[in-house]
Amino acid sequence: RRTELSERWDFMCGCSRCAAAVDDTRRFQGCPSAGCGGDLLVEGGGGGGARPSPPQLRCAACGATASPAERQRLLAAEEAAEAALRKAQDGDMEEEDEGQELMKCYKFASKHPRHAVSLELAHIFAFPDPLPAKRTLLAGLQAILGDLPCQLAVDESRELADILAKRGEKDEAQATLNAAAAMASILDGVADPRQTLEQWAARRVSSSAAARLLPVPPAEQRPDLDLDLNTAQHPPDRGGSGKATTEDEG
């Protein structure tokens, strides 16, 4: 996180998460302990000297570490996925080429759905489909932040609820919206989440009403090509053969 902030904003962050030895956004599946299923987190690495120490991949659940060979394989896959994501974000690629880079990211993300690359892919591109992308992002935020509320989770939950409602999943949509309202109420200092739901409903009604009142622009008048196809302006010659005449004719 510090490296990304430094490269993007020329800013060295000193918050507790950036200063921690463990990066909780780089989460790999594949704990070596049988039956564990915990995420492997990147721990340590760097340091001074000509030969910085390599990072370790340690399970957040049981503390087991990945073997050097497995660590090297996972970090190489992470580097390739991050490079593909950056290429897709540049915006200078053809649509087909961008799709190929996103597929490279998705192959990595499908194996490590709570990794930061997976969450960026879901948030920025909603790839490959908005519904699973929203669910992936929310699950990742839950893994990283726990029960700590954040505005991004609120916004994504509301969008997920809309998608579910349009697909006919009314019960799940309402449950998702209720969870978003509960989180938003904590952030906004509202005692009762029902007040938040009522405010959202009122805003939706107001937005719909305003949209209906917007003036509809008249249809654009496009002139016909000069092919004598506009019969309103050039009525057919009903008295003659229909052949064009000129002043020189006859």
C-alpha atoms as a PDB file:
ATOM      1  CA  ARG A   1       0.000   0.000   0.000  1.00  0.00           C
ATOM      2  CA  ARG A   2       2.841   2.374   0.797  1.00  0.00           C
ATOM      3  CA  THR A   3       4.468   1.682  -2.556  1.00  0.00           C
ATOM      4  CA  GLU A   4       1.234   2.396  -4.448  1.00  0.00           C
ATOM      5  CA  LEU A   5       0.564   5.601  -2.511  1.00  0.00           C
ATOM      6  CA  SER A   6       4.129   6.742  -3.042  1.00  0.00           C
ATOM      7  CA  GLU A   7       4.027   6.061  -6.779  1.00  0.00           C
ATOM      8  CA  ARG A   8       0.601   7.608  -7.313  1.00  0.00           C
ATOM      9  CA  TRP A   9       0.659  10.567  -4.939  1.00  0.00           C
ATOM     10  CA  ASP A  10       4.305  10.960  -3.857  1.00  0.00           C
ATOM     11  CA  PHE A  11       3.098  10.374  -0.297  1.00  0.00           C
ATOM     12  CA  MET A  12       4.550   8.069   2.353  1.00  0.00           C
ATOM     13  CA  CYS A  13       1.670   6.981   4.548  1.00  0.00           C
ATOM     14  CA  GLY A  14       2.310   6.394   8.246  1.00  0.00           C
ATOM     15  CA  CYS A  15      -1.055   4.951   9.301  1.00  0.00           C
ATOM     16  CA  SER A  16      -1.210   1.805  11.427  1.00  0.00           C
ATOM     17  CA  ARG A  17      -2.211  -0.405   8.502  1.00  0.00           C
ATOM     18  CA  CYS A  18       0.614   0.816   6.264  1.00  0.00           C
ATOM     19  CA  ALA A  19       3.115   0.552   9.114  1.00  0.00           C
ATOM     20  CA  ALA A  20       2.016  -2.981  10.029  1.00  0.00           C
ATOM     21  CA  ALA A  21       4.268  -5.913   9.171  1.00  0.00           C
ATOM     22  CA  VAL A  22       1.344  -7.732   7.527  1.00  0.00           C
ATOM     23  CA  ASP A  23      -0.445  -6.443   4.406  1.00  0.00           C
ATOM     24  CA  ASP A  24      -4.050  -7.518   4.893  1.00  0.00           C
ATOM     25  CA  THR A  25      -5.075  -6.581   1.328  1.00  0.00           C
ATOM     26  CA  ARG A  26      -2.753  -9.122  -0.316  1.00  0.00           C
ATOM     27  CA  ARG A  27      -4.664 -12.298   0.474  1.00  0.00           C
ATOM     28  CA  PHE A  28      -3.878 -15.620  -1.172  1.00  0.00           C
ATOM     29  CA  GLN A  29      -5.793 -18.847  -0.848  1.00  0.00           C
ATOM     30  CA  GLY A  30      -3.780 -21.995  -0.229  1.00  0.00           C
ATOM     31  CA  CYS A  31      -2.891 -22.458   3.443  1.00  0.00           C
ATOM     32  CA  PRO A  32      -0.555 -25.478   3.677  1.00  0.00           C
ATOM     33  CA  SER A  33      -2.292 -26.786   6.807  1.00  0.00           C
ATOM     34  CA  ALA A  34      -4.818 -29.489   5.973  1.00  0.00           C
ATOM     35  CA  GLY A  35      -8.403 -28.378   6.517  1.00  0.00           C
ATOM     36  CA  CYS A  36      -7.515 -24.801   7.525  1.00  0.00           C
ATOM     37  CA  GLY A  37      -8.730 -22.718   4.590  1.00  0.00           C
ATOM     38  CA  GLY A  38      -7.311 -19.466   5.954  1.00  0.00           C
ATOM     39  CA  ASP A  39      -5.855 -16.687   3.802  1.00  0.00           C
ATOM     40  CA  LEU A  40      -2.114 -16.355   3.335  1.00  0.00           C
ATOM     41  CA  LEU A  41      -1.057 -12.754   4.029  1.00  0.00           C
ATOM     42  CA  VAL A  42       2.157 -11.077   2.940  1.00  0.00           C
ATOM     43  CA  GLU A  43       4.358 -10.493   5.976  1.00  0.00           C
ATOM     44  CA  GLY A  44       7.608  -8.551   6.172  1.00  0.00           C
ATOM     45  CA  GLY A  45      10.008  -8.297   3.283  1.00  0.00           C
ATOM     46  CA  GLY A  46      12.261  -5.466   2.251  1.00  0.00           C
ATOM     47  CA  GLY A  47      14.573  -4.102   4.888  1.00  0.00           C
ATOM     48  CA  GLY A  48      17.935  -2.458   4.494  1.00  0.00           C
ATOM     49  CA  GLY A  49      21.099  -3.786   2.961  1.00  0.00           C
ATOM     50  CA  ALA A  50      22.066  -4.919  -0.486  1.00  0.00           C
ATOM     51  CA  ARG A  51      20.026  -8.136  -0.182  1.00  0.00           C
ATOM     52  CA  PRO A  52      16.608  -7.353   1.314  1.00  0.00           C
ATOM     53  CA  SER A  53      14.852 -10.255   2.981  1.00  0.00           C
ATOM     54  CA  PRO A  54      12.000 -11.835   0.998  1.00  0.00           C
ATOM     55  CA  PRO A  55       8.469 -11.576   2.392  1.00  0.00           C
ATOM     56  CA  GLN A  56       6.745 -14.524   4.007  1.00  0.00           C
ATOM     57  CA  LEU A  57       3.244 -15.756   3.282  1.00  0.00           C
ATOM     58  CA  ARG A  58       1.680 -16.581   6.629  1.00  0.00           C
ATOM     59  CA  CYS A  59      -1.825 -17.928   7.249  1.00  0.00           C
ATOM     60  CA  ALA A  60      -4.021 -15.453   9.103  1.00  0.00           C
ATOM     61  CA  ALA A  61      -5.922 -18.317  10.765  1.00  0.00           C
ATOM     62  CA  CYS A  62      -3.328 -20.873  11.870  1.00  0.00           C
ATOM     63  CA  GLY A  63       0.013 -19.129  11.371  1.00  0.00           C
ATOM     64  CA  ALA A  64       1.474 -21.691   8.943  1.00  0.00           C
ATOM     65  CA  THR A  65       3.819 -20.338   6.260  1.00  0.00           C
ATOM     66  CA  ALA A  66       3.954 -21.214   2.583  1.00  0.00           C
ATOM     67  CA  SER A  67       7.028 -22.982   1.245  1.00  0.00           C
ATOM     68  CA  PRO A  68       9.635 -20.861  -0.609  1.00  0.00           C
ATOM     69  CA  ALA A  69       8.582 -22.416  -3.933  1.00  0.00           C
ATOM     70  CA  GLU A  70       4.880 -21.763  -3.308  1.00  0.00           C
ATOM     71  CA  ARG A  71       5.645 -18.240  -2.112  1.00  0.00           C
ATOM     72  CA  GLN A  72       7.610 -17.515  -5.279  1.00  0.00           C
ATOM     73  CA  ARG A  73       4.822 -18.923  -7.470  1.00  0.00           C
ATOM     74  CA  LEU A  74       2.084 -16.884  -5.775  1.00  0.00           C
ATOM     75  CA  LEU A  75       4.030 -13.624  -5.767  1.00  0.00           C
ATOM     76  CA  ALA A  76       4.884 -14.060  -9.465  1.00  0.00           C
ATOM     77  CA  ALA A  77       1.201 -14.652 -10.265  1.00  0.00           C
ATOM     78  CA  GLU A  78       0.301 -11.549  -8.237  1.00  0.00           C
ATOM     79  CA  GLU A  79       2.838  -9.433 -10.122  1.00  0.00           C
ATOM     80  CA  ALA A  80       1.503 -10.593 -13.505  1.00  0.00           C
ATOM     81  CA  ALA A  81      -2.115  -9.916 -12.473  1.00  0.00           C
ATOM     82  CA  GLU A  82      -1.258  -6.423 -11.202  1.00  0.00           C
ATOM     83  CA  ALA A  83       0.557  -5.621 -14.451  1.00  0.00           C
ATOM     84  CA  ALA A  84      -2.453  -6.753 -16.490  1.00  0.00           C
ATOM     85  CA  LEU A  85      -4.802  -4.656 -14.347  1.00  0.00           C
ATOM     86  CA  ARG A  86      -2.650  -1.548 -14.800  1.00  0.00           C
ATOM     87  CA  LYS A  87      -2.623  -2.054 -18.571  1.00  0.00           C
ATOM     88  CA  ALA A  88      -6.417  -2.324 -18.615  1.00  0.00           C
ATOM     89  CA  GLN A  89      -6.705   0.850 -16.506  1.00  0.00           C
ATOM     90  CA  ASP A  90      -4.533   2.917 -18.831  1.00  0.00           C
ATOM     91  CA  GLY A  91      -7.428   3.374 -21.261  1.00  0.00           C
ATOM     92  CA  ASP A  92      -5.201   3.387 -24.329  1.00  0.00           C
ATOM     93  CA  MET A  93      -5.943  -0.162 -25.443  1.00  0.00           C
ATOM     94  CA  GLU A  94      -8.335  -1.541 -28.009  1.00  0.00           C
ATOM     95  CA  GLU A  95     -11.420  -3.175 -26.525  1.00  0.00           C
ATOM     96  CA  GLU A  96     -10.278  -6.672 -27.477  1.00  0.00           C
ATOM     97  CA  ASP A  97      -6.818  -6.147 -25.977  1.00  0.00           C
ATOM     98  CA  GLU A  98      -8.324  -4.711 -22.807  1.00  0.00           C
ATOM     99  CA  GLY A  99     -10.575  -7.751 -22.532  1.00  0.00           C
ATOM    100  CA  GLN A 100      -7.575 -10.065 -22.757  1.00  0.00           C
ATOM    101  CA  GLU A 101      -5.820  -8.207 -19.939  1.00  0.00           C
ATOM    102  CA  LEU A 102      -8.967  -8.348 -17.806  1.00  0.00           C
ATOM    103  CA  MET A 103      -9.192 -12.090 -18.395  1.00  0.00           C
ATOM    104  CA  LYS A 104      -5.636 -12.468 -17.081  1.00  0.00           C
ATOM    105  CA  CYS A 105      -6.706 -10.604 -13.946  1.00  0.00           C
ATOM    106  CA  TYR A 106      -9.844 -12.690 -13.638  1.00  0.00           C
ATOM    107  CA  LYS A 107      -7.917 -15.974 -13.751  1.00  0.00           C
ATOM    108  CA  PHE A 108      -5.908 -14.777 -10.767  1.00  0.00           C
ATOM    109  CA  ALA A 109      -8.954 -13.264  -9.015  1.00  0.00           C
ATOM    110  CA  SER A 110     -10.993 -16.459  -9.332  1.00  0.00           C
ATOM    111  CA  LYS A 111      -8.287 -18.295  -7.376  1.00  0.00           C
ATOM    112  CA  HIS A 112      -7.743 -15.521  -4.819  1.00  0.00           C
ATOM    113  CA  PRO A 113     -11.105 -13.685  -4.547  1.00  0.00           C
ATOM    114  CA  ARG A 114     -10.180 -11.639  -1.454  1.00  0.00           C
ATOM    115  CA  HIS A 115      -6.939 -10.273  -2.894  1.00  0.00           C
ATOM    116  CA  ALA A 116      -6.698  -6.549  -3.673  1.00  0.00           C
ATOM    117  CA  VAL A 117      -6.413  -7.280  -7.410  1.00  0.00           C
ATOM    118  CA  SER A 118      -9.721  -9.129  -7.300  1.00  0.00           C
ATOM    119  CA  LEU A 119     -11.409  -6.279  -5.433  1.00  0.00           C
ATOM    120  CA  GLU A 120     -10.088  -3.657  -7.871  1.00  0.00           C
ATOM    121  CA  LEU A 121     -11.227  -5.743 -10.826  1.00  0.00           C
ATOM    122  CA  ALA A 122     -14.696  -6.036  -9.319  1.00  0.00           C
ATOM    123  CA  HIS A 123     -14.953  -2.377  -8.284  1.00  0.00           C
ATOM    124  CA  ILE A 124     -13.518  -0.652 -11.359  1.00  0.00           C
ATOM    125  CA  PHE A 125     -14.645  -2.981 -14.153  1.00  0.00           C
ATOM    126  CA  ALA A 126     -17.474  -5.065 -12.573  1.00  0.00           C
ATOM    127  CA  PHE A 127     -15.848  -7.931 -14.463  1.00  0.00           C
ATOM    128  CA  PRO A 128     -17.034 -10.385 -15.663  1.00  0.00           C
ATOM    129  CA  ASP A 129     -20.608  -9.684 -14.476  1.00  0.00           C
ATOM    130  CA  PRO A 130     -21.929  -7.009 -12.096  1.00  0.00           C
ATOM    131  CA  LEU A 131     -23.715  -9.428  -9.738  1.00  0.00           C
ATOM    132  CA  PRO A 132     -20.757 -11.673  -8.793  1.00  0.00           C
ATOM    133  CA  ALA A 133     -18.452  -8.646  -8.945  1.00  0.00           C
ATOM    134  CA  LYS A 134     -20.479  -6.815  -6.279  1.00  0.00           C
ATOM    135  CA  ARG A 135     -20.560  -9.920  -4.095  1.00  0.00           C
ATOM    136  CA  THR A 136     -16.802 -10.423  -4.471  1.00  0.00           C
ATOM    137  CA  LEU A 137     -16.082  -6.835  -3.497  1.00  0.00           C
ATOM    138  CA  LEU A 138     -18.341  -6.939  -0.448  1.00  0.00           C
ATOM    139  CA  ALA A 139     -16.874 -10.252   0.714  1.00  0.00           C
ATOM    140  CA  GLY A 140     -13.382  -8.835   0.344  1.00  0.00           C
ATOM    141  CA  LEU A 141     -14.234  -5.708   2.321  1.00  0.00           C
ATOM    142  CA  GLN A 142     -15.732  -7.906   5.029  1.00  0.00           C
ATOM    143  CA  ALA A 143     -12.549 -10.013   5.182  1.00  0.00           C
ATOM    144  CA  ILE A 144     -10.314  -6.943   5.459  1.00  0.00           C
ATOM    145  CA  LEU A 145     -12.416  -4.578   7.581  1.00  0.00           C
ATOM    146  CA  GLY A 146     -14.580  -7.003   9.523  1.00  0.00           C
ATOM    147  CA  ASP A 147     -17.625  -5.205  10.933  1.00  0.00           C
ATOM    148  CA  LEU A 148     -16.082  -1.752  10.477  1.00  0.00           C
ATOM    149  CA  PRO A 149     -18.534   0.273   8.344  1.00  0.00           C
ATOM    150  CA  CYS A 150     -17.371   2.083   5.228  1.00  0.00           C
ATOM    151  CA  GLN A 151     -19.140   4.154   2.575  1.00  0.00           C
ATOM    152  CA  LEU A 152     -17.912   1.955  -0.258  1.00  0.00           C
ATOM    153  CA  ALA A 153     -19.648  -1.066   1.249  1.00  0.00           C
ATOM    154  CA  VAL A 154     -22.860   0.974   1.595  1.00  0.00           C
ATOM    155  CA  ASP A 155     -22.797   2.101  -2.025  1.00  0.00           C
ATOM    156  CA  GLU A 156     -21.948  -1.343  -3.378  1.00  0.00           C
ATOM    157  CA  SER A 157     -24.658  -2.987  -1.258  1.00  0.00           C
ATOM    158  CA  ARG A 158     -27.303  -0.585  -2.563  1.00  0.00           C
ATOM    159  CA  GLU A 159     -26.248  -1.266  -6.150  1.00  0.00           C
ATOM    160  CA  LEU A 160     -26.300  -5.003  -5.470  1.00  0.00           C
ATOM    161  CA  ALA A 161     -29.808  -4.697  -4.036  1.00  0.00           C
ATOM    162  CA  ASP A 162     -30.962  -2.950  -7.228  1.00  0.00           C
ATOM    163  CA  ILE A 163     -29.453  -5.696  -9.398  1.00  0.00           C
ATOM    164  CA  LEU A 164     -31.088  -8.420  -7.316  1.00  0.00           C
ATOM    165  CA  ALA A 165     -34.465  -6.674  -7.419  1.00  0.00           C
ATOM    166  CA  LYS A 166     -34.322  -6.381 -11.210  1.00  0.00           C
ATOM    167  CA  ARG A 167     -33.529 -10.087 -11.433  1.00  0.00           C
ATOM    168  CA  GLY A 168     -36.516 -10.981  -9.271  1.00  0.00           C
ATOM    169  CA  GLU A 169     -34.607 -11.855  -6.096  1.00  0.00           C
ATOM    170  CA  LYS A 170     -36.844  -9.676  -3.929  1.00  0.00           C
ATOM    171  CA  ASP A 171     -36.046 -11.215  -0.510  1.00  0.00           C
ATOM    172  CA  GLU A 172     -32.275 -11.108  -0.967  1.00  0.00           C
ATOM    173  CA  ALA A 173     -32.526  -7.604  -2.387  1.00  0.00           C
ATOM    174  CA  GLN A 174     -34.411  -6.379   0.693  1.00  0.00           C
ATOM    175  CA  ALA A 175     -31.980  -8.090   3.065  1.00  0.00           C
ATOM    176  CA  THR A 176     -29.036  -6.503   1.251  1.00  0.00           C
ATOM    177  CA  LEU A 177     -30.673  -3.091   1.344  1.00  0.00           C
ATOM    178  CA  ASN A 178     -31.405  -3.471   5.069  1.00  0.00           C
ATOM    179  CA  ALA A 179     -27.749  -4.278   5.729  1.00  0.00           C
ATOM    180  CA  ALA A 180     -26.676  -1.226   3.738  1.00  0.00           C
ATOM    181  CA  ALA A 181     -29.088   0.977   5.696  1.00  0.00           C
ATOM    182  CA  ALA A 182     -27.776  -0.347   9.013  1.00  0.00           C
ATOM    183  CA  MET A 183     -24.206   0.467   7.991  1.00  0.00           C
ATOM    184  CA  ALA A 184     -25.128   3.891   6.598  1.00  0.00           C
ATOM    185  CA  SER A 185     -26.964   4.720   9.815  1.00  0.00           C
ATOM    186  CA  ILE A 186     -23.800   4.081  11.815  1.00  0.00           C
ATOM    187  CA  LEU A 187     -21.768   6.307   9.508  1.00  0.00           C
ATOM    188  CA  ASP A 188     -24.376   9.093   9.535  1.00  0.00           C
ATOM    189  CA  GLY A 189     -25.252   8.883  13.233  1.00  0.00           C
ATOM    190  CA  VAL A 190     -28.864   7.857  12.607  1.00  0.00           C
ATOM    191  CA  ALA A 191     -30.406   5.845  15.435  1.00  0.00           C
ATOM    192  CA  ASP A 192     -32.954   3.877  13.428  1.00  0.00           C
ATOM    193  CA  PRO A 193     -32.021   2.295  10.054  1.00  0.00           C
ATOM    194  CA  ARG A 194     -35.667   2.586   9.039  1.00  0.00           C
ATOM    195  CA  GLN A 195     -35.173   6.337   8.824  1.00  0.00           C
ATOM    196  CA  THR A 196     -32.346   5.784   6.351  1.00  0.00           C
ATOM    197  CA  LEU A 197     -34.511   3.451   4.259  1.00  0.00           C
ATOM    198  CA  GLU A 198     -37.295   6.048   4.224  1.00  0.00           C
ATOM    199  CA  GLN A 199     -34.860   8.780   3.142  1.00  0.00           C
ATOM    200  CA  TRP A 200     -33.538   6.608   0.315  1.00  0.00           C
ATOM    201  CA  ALA A 201     -37.069   5.806  -0.831  1.00  0.00           C
ATOM    202  CA  ALA A 202     -38.051   9.503  -0.796  1.00  0.00           C
ATOM    203  CA  ARG A 203     -34.978  10.460  -2.821  1.00  0.00           C
ATOM    204  CA  ARG A 204     -35.731   7.770  -5.350  1.00  0.00           C
ATOM    205  CA  VAL A 205     -39.285   9.034  -5.783  1.00  0.00           C
ATOM    206  CA  SER A 206     -38.043  12.631  -6.138  1.00  0.00           C
ATOM    207  CA  SER A 207     -35.449  11.608  -8.722  1.00  0.00           C
ATOM    208  CA  SER A 208     -38.030   9.685 -10.741  1.00  0.00           C
ATOM    209  CA  ALA A 209     -40.464  12.605 -10.655  1.00  0.00           C
ATOM    210  CA  ALA A 210     -37.754  15.065 -11.719  1.00  0.00           C
ATOM    211  CA  ALA A 211     -36.770  12.804 -14.593  1.00  0.00           C
ATOM    212  CA  ARG A 212     -40.357  12.713 -15.855  1.00  0.00           C
ATOM    213  CA  LEU A 213     -40.555  16.533 -15.806  1.00  0.00           C
ATOM    214  CA  LEU A 214     -37.472  17.074 -17.949  1.00  0.00           C
ATOM    215  CA  PRO A 215     -38.357  18.463 -21.399  1.00  0.00           C
ATOM    216  CA  VAL A 216     -38.011  15.996 -24.210  1.00  0.00           C
ATOM    217  CA  PRO A 217     -36.012  17.488 -27.091  1.00  0.00           C
ATOM    218  CA  PRO A 218     -37.724  17.349 -30.492  1.00  0.00           C
ATOM    219  CA  ALA A 219     -36.537  14.720 -32.897  1.00  0.00           C
ATOM    220  CA  GLU A 220     -33.603  15.906 -34.925  1.00  0.00           C
ATOM    221  CA  GLN A 221     -34.579  16.875 -38.457  1.00  0.00           C
ATOM    222  CA  ARG A 222     -32.178  15.242 -40.839  1.00  0.00           C
ATOM    223  CA  PRO A 223     -32.321  16.395 -44.473  1.00  0.00           C
ATOM    224  CA  ASP A 224     -32.781  13.718 -47.075  1.00  0.00           C
ATOM    225  CA  LEU A 225     -29.949  12.912 -49.370  1.00  0.00           C
ATOM    226  CA  ASP A 226     -30.186  14.544 -52.777  1.00  0.00           C
ATOM    227  CA  LEU A 227     -31.855  11.514 -54.321  1.00  0.00           C
ATOM    228  CA  ASP A 228     -35.371  12.931 -54.814  1.00  0.00           C
ATOM    229  CA  LEU A 229     -36.670  10.689 -52.029  1.00  0.00           C
ATOM    230  CA  ASN A 230     -38.517  13.370 -50.083  1.00  0.00           C
ATOM    231  CA  THR A 231     -41.946  13.032 -51.660  1.00  0.00           C
ATOM    232  CA  ALA A 232     -43.372  15.792 -49.471  1.00  0.00           C
ATOM    233  CA  GLN A 233     -41.101  18.358 -51.070  1.00  0.00           C
ATOM    234  CA  HIS A 234     -40.997  16.808 -54.547  1.00  0.00           C
ATOM    235  CA  PRO A 235     -44.457  15.420 -55.473  1.00  0.00           C
ATOM    236  CA  PRO A 236     -44.486  13.015 -58.387  1.00  0.00           C
ATOM    237  CA  ASP A 237     -45.401  14.294 -61.854  1.00  0.00           C
ATOM    238  CA  ARG A 238     -48.859  12.857 -62.370  1.00  0.00           C
ATOM    239  CA  GLY A 239     -49.448  14.494 -65.731  1.00  0.00           C
ATOM    240  CA  GLY A 240     -46.583  13.164 -67.732  1.00  0.00           C
ATOM    241  CA  SER A 241     -44.345  10.201 -68.109  1.00  0.00           C
ATOM    242  CA  GLY A 242     -42.387  11.048 -64.999  1.00  0.00           C
ATOM    243  CA  LYS A 243     -39.197  11.690 -66.993  1.00  0.00           C
ATOM    244  CA  ALA A 244     -37.158  14.701 -66.068  1.00  0.00           C
ATOM    245  CA  THR A 245     -37.253  17.615 -68.532  1.00  0.00           C
ATOM    246  CA  THR A 246     -34.921  20.507 -69.047  1.00  0.00           C
ATOM    247  CA  GLU A 247     -35.294  23.877 -70.680  1.00  0.00           C
ATOM    248  CA  ASP A 248     -33.154  22.702 -73.602  1.00  0.00           C
ATOM    249  CA  GLU A 249     -35.439  19.703 -74.249  1.00  0.00           C
ATOM    250  CA  GLY A 250     -37.755  19.750 -77.289  1.00  0.00           C
END
